[in-house]
Each structure stands twice: as C-alpha cells, then as structure tokens.
Protein backbone atom coordinates (compact mmCIF):
# COMPACT_ATOMS: atom_id res chain seq x y z
CA MET A 1 40.91 30.54 2.55
CA LYS A 2 43.03 33.60 3.31
CA LEU A 3 45.85 32.52 1.07
CA LYS A 4 43.38 32.18 -1.75
CA ALA A 5 42.13 35.70 -1.24
CA ILE A 6 45.38 37.35 -1.55
CA LEU A 7 45.10 36.14 -5.10
CA THR A 8 42.24 38.57 -5.50
CA ALA A 9 44.36 41.70 -5.06
CA ALA A 10 47.74 40.70 -6.27
CA LEU A 11 46.40 39.37 -9.57
CA LEU A 12 45.44 40.10 -12.20
CA GLY A 13 44.86 41.80 -15.03
CA ALA A 14 42.48 42.33 -18.18
CA THR A 15 42.59 42.40 -20.67
CA PRO A 16 39.66 43.84 -22.41
CA ALA A 17 38.98 46.70 -20.27
CA ILE A 18 35.87 48.82 -20.54
CA ALA A 19 36.34 52.09 -22.37
CA GLN A 20 36.73 54.93 -19.94
CA ASP A 21 37.43 58.59 -20.22
CA ALA A 22 40.86 58.88 -18.62
CA PRO A 23 43.20 61.59 -19.92
CA PRO A 24 45.62 60.25 -22.50
CA LEU A 25 49.44 59.98 -22.18
CA PRO A 26 51.67 61.73 -24.68
CA ALA A 27 51.53 60.21 -28.18
CA GLY A 28 52.97 56.74 -28.36
CA LEU A 29 53.04 56.23 -24.61
CA SER A 30 49.41 55.22 -23.90
CA GLY A 31 49.06 52.05 -21.91
CA GLY A 32 46.25 49.85 -20.58
CA ASP A 33 43.80 52.78 -20.55
CA ALA A 34 43.91 53.30 -24.29
CA GLN A 35 40.30 52.13 -24.58
CA GLU A 36 39.25 54.95 -22.32
CA ASN A 37 40.60 57.45 -24.78
CA ALA A 38 38.84 55.62 -27.58
CA SER A 39 35.56 56.19 -25.76
CA LYS A 40 36.05 59.89 -25.96
CA LYS A 41 36.76 59.70 -29.71
CA GLU A 42 33.48 57.96 -30.31
CA THR A 43 31.60 60.86 -28.88
CA SER A 44 33.70 63.70 -30.30
CA PRO A 45 32.27 65.96 -33.07
CA GLU A 46 32.78 64.94 -36.63
CA ALA A 47 35.91 66.25 -38.36
CA PRO A 48 35.42 69.11 -40.88
CA ALA A 49 34.93 68.19 -44.46
CA LEU A 50 37.98 68.16 -46.74
CA PRO A 51 38.30 70.89 -49.38
CA ALA A 52 36.72 70.23 -52.72
CA GLY A 53 38.69 67.74 -54.74
CA LEU A 54 40.38 66.06 -51.74
CA GLY A 55 37.60 63.67 -50.71
CA ASP A 56 37.63 59.89 -51.17
CA ASP A 57 35.48 60.19 -54.30
CA ALA A 58 37.30 63.11 -55.78
CA THR A 59 39.38 61.33 -58.52
CA PRO A 60 39.10 63.73 -61.55
CA ALA A 61 38.27 62.41 -65.01
CA LEU A 62 41.15 62.28 -67.46
CA PRO A 63 41.06 64.76 -70.36
CA SER A 64 39.51 63.56 -73.55
CA GLY A 65 41.79 61.27 -75.47
CA LEU A 66 43.95 60.39 -72.40
CA GLY A 67 41.82 57.56 -71.14
CA GLU A 68 42.97 53.91 -71.07
CA PRO A 69 43.64 52.75 -74.72
CA LYS A 70 41.47 50.01 -75.99
CA GLY A 71 44.10 47.93 -77.78
CA PRO A 72 43.38 45.16 -80.29
CA ALA A 73 40.49 42.79 -79.73
CA LEU A 74 41.22 39.33 -78.26
CA PRO A 75 40.53 36.24 -80.28
CA PRO A 76 36.94 35.03 -80.15
CA GLY A 77 36.04 33.30 -76.89
CA LEU A 78 38.83 34.74 -74.75
CA ALA A 79 37.13 37.96 -73.78
CA GLU A 80 34.24 36.11 -72.11
CA ASN A 81 36.59 33.85 -70.17
CA ASN A 82 38.53 36.83 -68.83
CA ASP A 83 35.32 38.43 -67.62
CA GLU A 84 34.27 35.21 -65.81
CA THR A 85 37.69 34.95 -64.16
CA GLU A 86 37.47 38.49 -62.89
CA GLU A 87 33.97 38.00 -61.48
CA THR A 88 35.05 34.77 -59.74
CA THR A 89 38.02 36.61 -58.10
CA LEU A 90 35.86 39.48 -56.92
CA SER A 91 33.05 37.37 -55.55
CA GLY A 92 34.99 34.29 -54.35
CA SER A 93 35.87 33.01 -50.91
CA ASP A 94 38.39 35.77 -50.25
CA GLU A 95 35.60 38.17 -49.39
CA PRO A 96 35.35 38.77 -45.61
CA PHE A 97 32.46 37.16 -43.84
CA THR A 98 29.77 39.58 -42.74
CA ALA A 99 27.34 38.54 -39.97
CA PRO A 100 23.65 39.34 -40.44
CA PHE A 101 21.84 42.15 -38.57
CA GLY A 102 25.12 44.09 -38.08
CA LEU A 103 26.46 41.61 -35.55
CA THR A 104 30.16 41.46 -34.67
CA GLY A 105 32.09 38.94 -32.65
CA PHE A 106 33.95 35.67 -33.06
CA VAL A 107 33.72 31.89 -32.94
CA GLU A 108 36.50 29.98 -31.24
CA ALA A 109 37.45 26.56 -29.92
CA ARG A 110 39.89 25.84 -27.05
CA ALA A 111 41.29 22.65 -25.58
CA GLY A 112 43.75 22.12 -22.76
CA MET A 113 44.83 19.63 -20.16
CA ARG A 114 46.67 19.40 -16.85
CA ILE A 115 50.28 18.26 -17.02
CA VAL A 116 50.37 17.44 -13.32
CA SER A 117 48.32 14.73 -11.68
CA ASP A 118 45.41 16.06 -9.59
CA PRO A 119 43.18 13.46 -8.03
CA THR A 120 40.57 16.08 -7.16
CA GLN A 121 40.03 17.29 -10.76
CA LYS A 122 39.52 16.09 -14.31
CA THR A 123 42.60 15.87 -16.56
CA LEU A 124 40.94 18.06 -19.18
CA SER A 125 41.36 21.69 -17.98
CA ILE A 126 39.40 23.32 -20.83
CA GLY A 127 37.38 21.96 -23.73
CA GLU A 128 34.88 24.40 -25.13
CA VAL A 129 33.39 25.96 -28.28
CA ARG A 130 32.34 29.58 -27.92
CA ALA A 131 30.52 32.11 -30.04
CA GLN A 132 30.45 35.78 -29.02
CA LEU A 133 27.85 38.03 -30.66
CA GLY A 134 27.65 41.80 -30.18
CA ARG A 135 25.64 44.66 -31.52
CA ASP A 136 25.80 48.44 -31.06
CA ILE A 137 22.78 50.58 -31.89
CA GLU A 138 23.27 54.30 -32.05
CA THR A 139 20.47 56.78 -31.94
CA ARG A 140 20.43 60.53 -31.71
CA HIS A 141 20.22 60.47 -27.93
CA ALA A 142 21.75 57.16 -26.79
CA THR A 143 24.00 54.21 -27.67
CA PHE A 144 22.81 50.71 -26.86
CA ARG A 145 25.29 47.80 -26.54
CA LEU A 146 24.59 44.09 -26.27
CA VAL A 147 27.25 41.37 -26.06
CA GLY A 148 26.69 37.73 -25.15
CA ASP A 149 28.57 34.43 -25.30
CA PHE A 150 27.04 31.14 -26.27
CA PHE A 151 29.29 28.20 -25.41
CA TYR A 152 29.56 24.51 -24.70
CA ASP A 153 31.98 23.59 -21.89
CA GLN A 154 32.84 19.91 -21.88
CA VAL A 155 34.60 20.07 -18.50
CA GLU A 156 31.64 21.36 -16.48
CA ASP A 157 28.78 20.53 -18.90
CA VAL A 158 26.32 22.67 -16.92
CA SER A 159 22.95 23.36 -18.59
CA ASP A 160 21.45 25.79 -16.06
CA VAL A 161 22.50 29.41 -16.82
CA ASN A 162 23.92 31.45 -13.97
CA LEU A 163 24.73 34.97 -15.03
CA GLU A 164 26.50 35.73 -11.75
CA THR A 165 29.04 32.90 -12.01
CA GLY A 166 29.16 32.65 -15.81
CA ARG A 167 28.18 29.00 -15.79
CA GLY A 168 25.78 27.33 -18.18
CA PHE A 169 25.57 27.69 -21.94
CA PHE A 170 25.20 31.52 -22.00
CA ASP A 171 27.11 34.40 -20.42
CA LEU A 172 25.79 37.91 -20.79
CA ARG A 173 28.84 40.16 -21.03
CA GLU A 174 27.25 43.52 -21.71
CA ALA A 175 23.75 44.95 -21.92
CA ASN A 176 23.82 48.68 -21.37
CA VAL A 177 22.80 52.09 -22.59
CA LEU A 178 25.03 55.18 -22.78
CA VAL A 179 23.56 58.62 -22.81
CA ARG A 180 25.16 62.12 -22.73
CA PRO A 181 22.58 64.52 -21.26
CA LEU A 182 25.18 67.33 -21.11
CA ASP A 183 28.38 68.02 -23.00
CA PHE A 184 30.43 67.20 -19.90
CA LEU A 185 28.47 64.26 -18.55
CA ASP A 186 28.16 60.56 -19.57
CA ILE A 187 25.84 58.02 -17.95
CA LYS A 188 26.05 54.33 -18.67
CA ALA A 189 23.58 51.98 -17.04
CA GLY A 190 23.34 48.19 -17.25
CA ARG A 191 25.72 45.22 -17.46
CA GLN A 192 29.20 46.46 -18.40
CA ILE A 193 32.92 45.64 -18.03
CA LEU A 194 34.64 48.11 -15.68
CA THR A 195 38.27 48.65 -14.82
CA TRP A 196 40.67 51.27 -13.61
CA GLY A 197 44.11 51.49 -11.99
CA VAL A 198 47.65 51.22 -13.50
CA GLY A 199 48.85 47.77 -12.47
CA ASP A 200 49.80 45.08 -15.06
CA LEU A 201 47.69 42.03 -13.94
CA VAL A 202 47.84 43.50 -10.46
CA PHE A 203 44.66 45.18 -9.14
CA ILE A 204 44.81 47.36 -6.07
CA ASN A 205 42.09 50.05 -6.37
CA ASP A 206 40.17 48.12 -9.06
CA LEU A 207 37.49 46.38 -6.94
CA PHE A 208 35.33 45.41 -9.95
CA PRO A 209 34.72 41.67 -10.36
CA LYS A 210 37.37 39.34 -11.87
CA ASP A 211 37.05 35.78 -13.22
CA PHE A 212 40.04 33.84 -11.92
CA ARG A 213 38.72 30.50 -13.14
CA SER A 214 38.82 31.67 -16.76
CA PHE A 215 42.21 33.25 -16.31
CA PHE A 216 43.82 30.07 -14.98
CA ILE A 217 42.39 27.54 -17.41
CA GLY A 218 43.46 29.32 -20.60
CA ARG A 219 40.53 31.43 -21.84
CA ASP A 220 41.35 34.69 -23.61
CA ASP A 221 42.63 37.50 -21.36
CA GLU A 222 39.43 39.47 -21.86
CA TYR A 223 37.63 36.96 -19.64
CA LEU A 224 39.68 37.93 -16.63
CA LYS A 225 37.21 40.83 -16.27
CA ALA A 226 33.79 39.70 -15.18
CA PRO A 227 30.73 41.94 -15.85
CA SER A 228 29.19 44.35 -13.37
CA ASP A 229 25.56 45.34 -13.15
CA ALA A 230 26.06 49.02 -12.41
CA ILE A 231 25.47 52.66 -13.19
CA ARG A 232 28.55 54.69 -14.12
CA ILE A 233 28.46 58.46 -14.13
CA SER A 234 31.41 60.34 -15.68
CA ALA A 235 31.94 64.12 -15.51
CA PHE A 236 34.69 65.97 -17.33
CA ASN A 237 36.09 69.42 -16.60
CA ASP A 238 39.42 71.31 -16.59
CA ILE A 239 40.10 70.81 -12.91
CA ALA A 240 39.60 66.99 -12.63
CA ASN A 241 37.58 64.30 -14.31
CA LEU A 242 35.23 62.38 -11.95
CA GLU A 243 33.71 58.90 -12.15
CA PHE A 244 31.16 57.38 -9.82
CA VAL A 245 30.01 53.75 -10.06
CA TYR A 246 27.02 52.38 -8.13
CA THR A 247 26.36 48.68 -8.05
CA PRO A 248 22.88 48.15 -6.49
CA ARG A 249 23.66 44.45 -5.70
CA PHE A 250 27.07 43.13 -4.70
CA ASP A 251 29.01 41.57 -7.60
CA ALA A 252 31.52 39.01 -6.24
CA ASP A 253 34.52 37.69 -8.11
CA ARG A 254 34.14 34.49 -10.00
CA PHE A 255 36.63 33.04 -7.58
CA ILE A 256 38.18 29.60 -7.09
CA THR A 257 35.66 27.30 -5.35
CA GLY A 258 37.31 23.87 -5.99
CA ASP A 259 34.83 22.66 -8.59
CA ARG A 260 37.34 23.25 -11.41
CA ILE A 261 40.53 24.47 -9.85
CA SER A 262 42.00 22.84 -6.73
CA TYR A 263 43.17 24.91 -3.73
CA TYR A 264 44.59 24.56 -0.25
CA ASN A 265 41.88 23.99 2.36
CA PRO A 266 43.17 24.95 5.86
CA VAL A 267 40.39 23.12 7.63
CA LEU A 268 41.22 19.85 5.91
CA GLY A 269 44.98 20.65 5.94
CA ARG A 270 45.44 19.53 2.34
CA ILE A 271 44.78 20.39 -1.31
CA ALA A 272 41.05 20.09 -2.06
CA GLY A 273 38.94 20.32 -5.15
CA ARG A 274 35.61 18.80 -6.22
CA ASP A 275 35.58 16.96 -2.86
CA ALA A 276 35.34 20.18 -0.93
CA VAL A 277 33.59 22.88 -3.02
CA ILE A 278 33.28 26.27 -1.32
CA VAL A 279 29.69 27.57 -1.05
CA PRO A 280 29.71 30.99 0.66
CA GLU A 281 26.79 32.88 2.08
CA ALA A 282 25.28 34.98 -0.70
CA ARG A 283 25.12 38.81 -0.55
CA ASP A 284 22.46 39.38 -3.16
CA THR A 285 19.94 41.83 -1.56
CA TRP A 286 19.27 44.71 -3.92
CA PHE A 287 20.06 48.25 -2.69
CA SER A 288 21.14 47.15 0.78
CA GLU A 289 24.09 44.87 -0.04
CA ASP A 290 25.41 47.28 -2.68
CA GLU A 291 28.77 48.79 -3.70
CA PHE A 292 30.11 52.34 -4.30
CA ALA A 293 33.24 53.25 -6.21
CA ALA A 294 34.66 56.62 -7.17
CA ARG A 295 37.68 58.05 -9.03
CA ALA A 296 39.05 61.52 -9.61
CA TYR A 297 41.80 61.90 -12.16
CA ARG A 298 43.74 64.53 -14.18
CA ASN A 299 47.01 65.24 -15.93
CA ILE A 300 49.78 66.80 -13.83
CA ALA A 301 53.05 67.71 -15.60
CA GLY A 302 52.50 64.94 -18.16
CA PHE A 303 51.56 62.30 -15.56
CA GLU A 304 48.09 60.77 -15.03
CA ALA A 305 47.27 61.15 -11.38
CA ALA A 306 44.18 59.55 -9.77
CA LEU A 307 42.50 59.13 -6.41
CA TYR A 308 40.16 56.20 -5.63
CA GLY A 309 37.54 55.20 -3.10
CA TYR A 310 35.45 52.03 -2.58
CA ALA A 311 32.83 50.88 -0.10
CA GLY A 312 31.41 47.36 -0.35
CA TYR A 313 32.66 43.87 0.44
CA TRP A 314 35.70 41.64 0.02
CA LYS A 315 35.30 40.21 -3.47
CA THR A 316 36.20 36.73 -2.28
CA PRO A 317 34.78 35.14 0.92
CA GLU A 318 37.37 36.34 3.49
CA GLY A 319 35.30 35.65 6.54
CA GLN A 320 34.04 32.50 8.29
CA THR A 321 30.97 32.21 10.46
CA LEU A 322 30.86 30.31 13.81
CA THR A 323 29.36 27.38 11.86
CA GLY A 324 32.33 27.41 9.51
CA ARG A 325 30.56 28.77 6.45
CA PRO A 326 32.52 31.33 4.33
CA PHE A 327 31.06 34.82 3.79
CA HIS A 328 32.07 38.18 2.30
CA PRO A 329 32.96 40.72 5.10
CA ARG A 330 32.52 44.46 4.59
CA LEU A 331 35.42 46.35 3.02
CA ALA A 332 36.42 49.98 2.34
CA VAL A 333 39.44 51.04 0.29
CA VAL A 334 41.14 54.40 -0.38
CA GLY A 335 44.11 54.85 -2.62
CA GLY A 336 45.85 56.65 -5.48
CA SER A 337 47.90 56.06 -8.63
CA LEU A 338 50.39 57.75 -10.92
CA ARG A 339 51.48 56.97 -14.45
CA GLY A 340 53.66 58.83 -16.96
CA PRO A 341 56.66 58.87 -19.29
CA VAL A 342 60.20 58.54 -17.80
CA GLN A 343 63.42 57.91 -19.75
CA GLY A 344 61.72 56.57 -22.85
CA GLY A 345 59.37 54.27 -20.93
CA ILE A 346 56.28 54.41 -18.72
CA LEU A 347 56.49 54.59 -14.91
CA THR A 348 53.56 53.40 -12.83
CA ALA A 349 52.89 53.57 -9.08
CA GLU A 350 49.74 52.70 -7.14
CA ALA A 351 48.77 52.24 -3.49
CA GLY A 352 45.66 51.47 -1.50
CA HIS A 353 44.68 50.80 2.12
CA TYR A 354 42.11 48.11 2.78
CA PHE A 355 39.90 48.67 5.87
CA SER A 356 38.39 45.36 6.89
CA ARG A 357 35.26 46.94 8.36
CA ASP A 358 34.07 43.83 10.22
CA ASP A 359 37.43 43.52 12.06
CA LEU A 360 39.05 46.96 12.32
CA SER A 361 41.02 45.85 15.41
CA GLY A 362 42.49 42.83 13.64
CA ALA A 363 41.70 40.58 16.57
CA ASP A 364 39.28 38.26 14.80
CA PRO A 365 41.25 35.36 13.23
CA PHE A 366 38.24 34.35 11.15
CA ILE A 367 38.01 37.63 9.23
CA ARG A 368 40.72 38.95 6.93
CA ASN A 369 42.94 41.63 8.46
CA SER A 370 43.20 45.21 7.21
CA GLU A 371 46.22 45.78 5.00
CA THR A 372 48.15 48.15 2.73
CA ARG A 373 48.99 47.25 -0.82
CA PHE A 374 51.33 49.07 -3.25
CA LEU A 375 53.23 48.66 -6.51
CA VAL A 376 55.90 50.38 -8.55
CA GLY A 377 56.44 49.41 -12.20
CA TYR A 378 58.32 50.41 -15.29
CA GLU A 379 57.83 49.46 -18.97
CA ARG A 380 59.76 50.29 -22.13
CA GLU A 381 60.96 48.86 -25.45
CA ILE A 382 64.37 47.31 -24.89
CA ALA A 383 64.96 46.15 -28.51
CA SER A 384 63.22 46.26 -31.86
CA GLU A 385 59.69 45.07 -31.21
CA LEU A 386 60.61 43.69 -27.78
CA THR A 387 58.99 45.27 -24.77
CA ALA A 388 59.80 44.52 -21.14
CA SER A 389 58.00 45.60 -17.97
CA VAL A 390 58.74 44.94 -14.32
CA GLN A 391 56.70 45.51 -11.16
CA TYR A 392 57.40 45.26 -7.45
CA VAL A 393 54.27 44.58 -5.37
CA GLY A 394 54.04 44.73 -1.54
CA GLU A 395 51.22 43.67 0.83
CA VAL A 396 51.46 44.56 4.48
CA LEU A 397 49.04 43.38 7.25
CA SER A 398 47.94 46.27 9.44
CA ASP A 399 47.26 44.71 12.85
CA TYR A 400 49.73 41.86 12.82
CA ALA A 401 50.29 41.68 16.56
CA ALA A 402 46.56 41.49 17.27
CA LEU A 403 46.18 38.80 14.62
CA ILE A 404 48.99 36.68 15.99
CA SER A 405 47.71 36.85 19.59
CA SER A 406 44.23 35.73 18.50
CA LEU A 407 45.15 32.74 16.34
CA PRO A 408 43.77 29.38 17.58
CA PRO A 409 46.32 26.90 18.98
CA GLY A 410 48.18 25.11 16.21
CA ALA A 411 47.14 27.60 13.46
CA SER A 412 49.96 28.78 11.17
CA ALA A 413 50.71 32.51 11.18
CA PRO A 414 50.91 34.32 7.84
CA ASN A 415 53.82 36.54 6.90
CA ARG A 416 53.39 40.12 7.99
CA MET A 417 54.47 41.32 4.52
CA ARG A 418 54.41 39.54 1.20
CA HIS A 419 56.81 40.53 -1.65
CA VAL A 420 56.02 39.88 -5.33
CA VAL A 421 58.13 40.71 -8.40
CA THR A 422 56.57 40.55 -11.85
CA LEU A 423 58.26 40.42 -15.27
CA ARG A 424 56.57 40.64 -18.66
CA LEU A 425 58.31 40.22 -22.04
CA THR A 426 56.46 40.70 -25.36
CA LYS A 427 58.05 40.08 -28.78
CA LEU A 428 56.45 40.83 -32.14
CA MET A 429 57.73 38.85 -35.16
CA LEU A 430 56.87 38.05 -38.84
CA ASN A 431 55.46 41.54 -39.62
CA GLN A 432 53.77 41.61 -36.20
CA ASN A 433 51.64 38.61 -37.07
CA LEU A 434 53.37 36.45 -34.46
CA THR A 435 53.19 37.57 -30.80
CA LEU A 436 55.27 35.85 -28.11
CA SER A 437 54.62 36.87 -24.54
CA GLY A 438 55.50 35.68 -21.09
CA PHE A 439 54.49 36.94 -17.66
CA ASN A 440 55.94 35.68 -14.39
CA PHE A 441 54.93 36.32 -10.78
CA TRP A 442 57.57 35.43 -8.19
CA SER A 443 57.43 35.83 -4.42
CA PRO A 444 60.95 35.70 -2.96
CA ASN A 445 59.81 35.30 0.69
CA GLU A 446 57.15 32.63 0.02
CA LYS A 447 59.28 30.89 -2.65
CA ASP A 448 56.46 30.37 -5.14
CA GLY A 449 55.30 31.84 -8.39
CA TYR A 450 53.22 31.61 -11.55
CA PHE A 451 54.52 31.66 -15.14
CA ARG A 452 51.97 32.51 -17.87
CA PHE A 453 53.01 32.29 -21.54
CA ARG A 454 51.32 32.76 -24.91
CA ALA A 455 52.21 32.44 -28.60
CA SER A 456 49.58 33.73 -31.00
CA TYR A 457 49.76 33.85 -34.77
CA LYS A 458 47.47 35.94 -36.96
CA LEU A 459 46.85 33.91 -40.16
CA ASN A 460 44.94 36.85 -41.67
CA ASP A 461 42.58 39.58 -40.55
CA ALA A 462 39.99 36.96 -39.49
CA TRP A 463 41.82 33.90 -38.26
CA LEU A 464 43.94 33.70 -35.11
CA THR A 465 45.67 30.65 -33.55
CA GLU A 466 47.14 30.46 -30.03
CA VAL A 467 49.06 28.11 -27.77
CA GLY A 468 49.93 28.78 -24.17
CA GLY A 469 50.26 27.52 -20.66
CA ASN A 470 49.72 28.32 -16.95
CA ILE A 471 52.61 27.03 -14.84
CA PHE A 472 52.36 27.20 -11.02
CA TYR A 473 55.28 26.40 -8.73
CA GLY A 474 56.16 26.61 -5.06
CA ALA A 475 58.00 25.01 -2.19
CA ASP A 476 54.91 24.50 -0.03
CA ASN A 477 51.26 23.58 -0.67
CA ASP A 478 49.79 26.30 1.51
CA THR A 479 51.43 29.37 -0.07
CA PHE A 480 50.04 31.86 -2.49
CA PHE A 481 50.82 30.09 -5.73
CA GLY A 482 52.11 26.82 -4.29
CA GLN A 483 48.54 25.69 -3.61
CA LEU A 484 47.78 25.85 -7.34
CA GLN A 485 50.61 23.60 -8.59
CA ASP A 486 48.25 20.76 -9.53
CA ASN A 487 46.39 23.11 -11.83
CA THR A 488 49.40 23.59 -14.18
CA ASN A 489 48.04 23.24 -17.77
CA LEU A 490 48.81 23.70 -21.46
CA PHE A 491 46.22 24.70 -24.06
CA VAL A 492 45.58 25.52 -27.75
CA GLY A 493 42.95 27.67 -29.41
CA VAL A 494 41.75 28.91 -32.75
CA ARG A 495 39.45 31.94 -33.33
CA ARG A 496 37.56 33.31 -36.32
CA ASN A 497 36.62 36.97 -35.96
CA PHE A 498 33.82 38.68 -37.89
C-alpha cells in the first residue's frame, strides 16, 4: 500500500492543465503554465482597430482599365466544365468538418496489450472508442464551459456511470462558470481541471486529483489530470497574485485498485490484481470532508516564485484501520517553487513538506509517515528541434526512527530516502508533423524505473496517429516501479479533431 502511494507524489504529470493566471516567463521560455497565460489573454481588452486601409477587408480596387484582362473566349462547352470543376474543388471533401451547435472536440480509437504475462489481468490493456464534446458559451457577464467524454471501454465494459472514478460510458470533464466581478478578480465554480507547480510529471505541491490508471494504460496525457468539483478564486495585483481553491467534498485520485492494473499487496506478500481489489473507506461528506488549497506567486528578477498550502487528505488510501480496510488519512502540505531562465534553458526547483496529521509522531506503522519532497530540474534545446530535460527528485521520511521501532515483527522497513532521476527527450521532425518523445524515471537506490515513449504523426490539421508504450522494470516486486512490471504495455491510437 505505501509503495503504491509514493507513486502519487513522485509522478506525474499533465498534460492538459487548466488555464491559470500565473505570470509569464520571458518570450520563448514559457513552460507547462502557458495555458495560464492564455487564460489572461482571453479576458484582456480588445486590441485597437487598425488604421483605415490596413484591415483584413481593405484591399483597394484597381484603377479603371487595370483589372484582370478577359482574354479570348474558350470553345463552346469548356467554360461550363471549368466552372463545375472549380465548384467541386471548393465544396469537396477537403473542407474541414464543423460540428453542429458550435461543439468542439475529437473522436479517437485506442488499442493496446500487455507484453508481459499477468495472470491477474486481461491481456488487453486498452481497447476503447471515445468522443469528447465541448462547448463554450460567452455572455456579457460570464463564460460557461461544458466538456464531456462518451466512450466504450472493452476492457472494463462497465455500464454504470461513476463520475468520481471515471468509469462507465460517460466522464464529465468540465462543467463550470467563470465570472469577473472586478477587474482584478476571477471566480470559477464547478467541475474543472486544476494544476500548479513546476515539476515535469512530478507533482509535489499539486494536490489536485490525478488519474494514474489512464496514464499507465496509454490514454492521452490530458487524462492524467482528473477533474475537481471546486471553487477557484484568483486575485491579481502588483505585489503578488493569489489563488484559493475550495473543494467542498474530497476528490481522491483515480488510483490503482487492482481491477485493471496489478500492484504489490503487502498483506498477501505478492503481486495482486482483480483477485484483490482495493475498496477504501469513502470520504464523501459535503462541507466536512473538504479540501483547501492556496497559492501566492509573482515574478522576482525574471523568475516565477510561488508559495503553496494545502489542507485535506492523502489522495490515495495511505492508512489502514484495525479491521484492515484502507482509508485516506488527513494531510497538510506547505511548500514553494521557483522557475526561470538560466544559460539558455529553464531552471526549476520545488519543495514541500507533508504533515501526516493522523500520525504526526510517526509511530503508527499503519498510517503513512510525514515526509519532505523536493526536486531540481533543467530544460533546454540541445540541438535543432531536440529538447532535453532532467530532474532530480528526493523524498525523505520525517520520523524514520519512530517508524522503524513501531513496525510489526517480520515487516520490511522502507528506505529513509528515495532518489529518482528523470530524463525527457523530445524531437520534432518532418516539418514538426512527427513528434518523438521519451521519458524515463529511474531510482538508483531502489533499482527500478519506468520508461514512457510516444511517436505521434500529424497527418493534417484534423488527423493524428500515435504509437507508444509504458515499460516498467525493477529488481524486486515490492519496489516503487518494480511492482508494476506485469503492466508493461504497447498501444496505438488514431484521433480526428474538430
């Protein structure tokens, strides 16, 4: 159980992050928070009109006699054929598809399979058809956004819809309203995708829900981020920008339970899957089992600096009752981050201390210990259209001596500190239509890792194809990534955007 939970903090990353209002980096150096800057642009005043004669429709008429010459007439019957050919070209299948009612989104199909035998799971790792539909409605006083996914999943084939776990045939991604009652204040309420922090697929102060099942089976990166039912208040001023997020009912991660991805079960002492599905105690009481998150950020000498705070619960079930049932203990986190340009690249740093509020002394072996997590990373272009980024991530248990002394006889002791090194390489080719990327996690002291690779090719503005894989490796079955070795898979996908 505890090994699985480390996965919550060391991984992962997003992919489609929610637009936020973080201050931008210098031109050309913006990173994962670019969508935050885009959010500001959407609400900025309209640009001034161009001077007369410089608009899009300002092509002046040619002087009399300088128009296109008419030339000799074509033989009878050819003029009509040329007109028909032109009409066919203009109205043929090359025209982009436009969805009705102003909808945007995509339709895609994905298929994948395990390449390692796993007796606890199906060989098919993913087999689904998905359609995402979205609609933005802007009024004078508010912007409404609705995004939902309809899909058929052959692996689980669950008909009952569960909006918390994302199972069924429908997943509501976003349903919110954004208002700006004052020039310096934004309020967004409803289901939304939230993210902050500077890590690349490593989340320290980002305690918003993740979907690890989707990430490991080959869905698009945007599905790493699960939706939150929350209210976000953003205030902007010259001293510091502030964000406050209130979630009235706890939103857990869509974590590994064994029903689709196998894991190491310490009680059974072996790899388990559908034969030992985790069913934790629910924390779903409105306004009493809630969450609070806050961030203050500003630019300092060209660097984005931020402070964070969180009060809620461990996002995966890091506690166990006397009857052996998993539950989500209380958690508080404080931390900070820094990001900015250095030597032609981007330097990132982030740290956070996790207070396990139900075991502050660290003497309860059935509740996760308090710990400190940190990362340092650097990214830059190392060749033409080839970008590399590296990160060092550390996780240190706070009350290690108390934990060791309280372990039951025969129980294995975890490492006091875990080291992880990540490397990402991204290469653009064929006029940037082909993207090759690889991301590797490696723990030198636990001797395990996870290699994630993708190759995507844009056929045109609408069609995208992709192949990829999730490769897990490790010396032992009870380590961070070693427990996931049987989930190693390859997949293919094709998407039609509209």
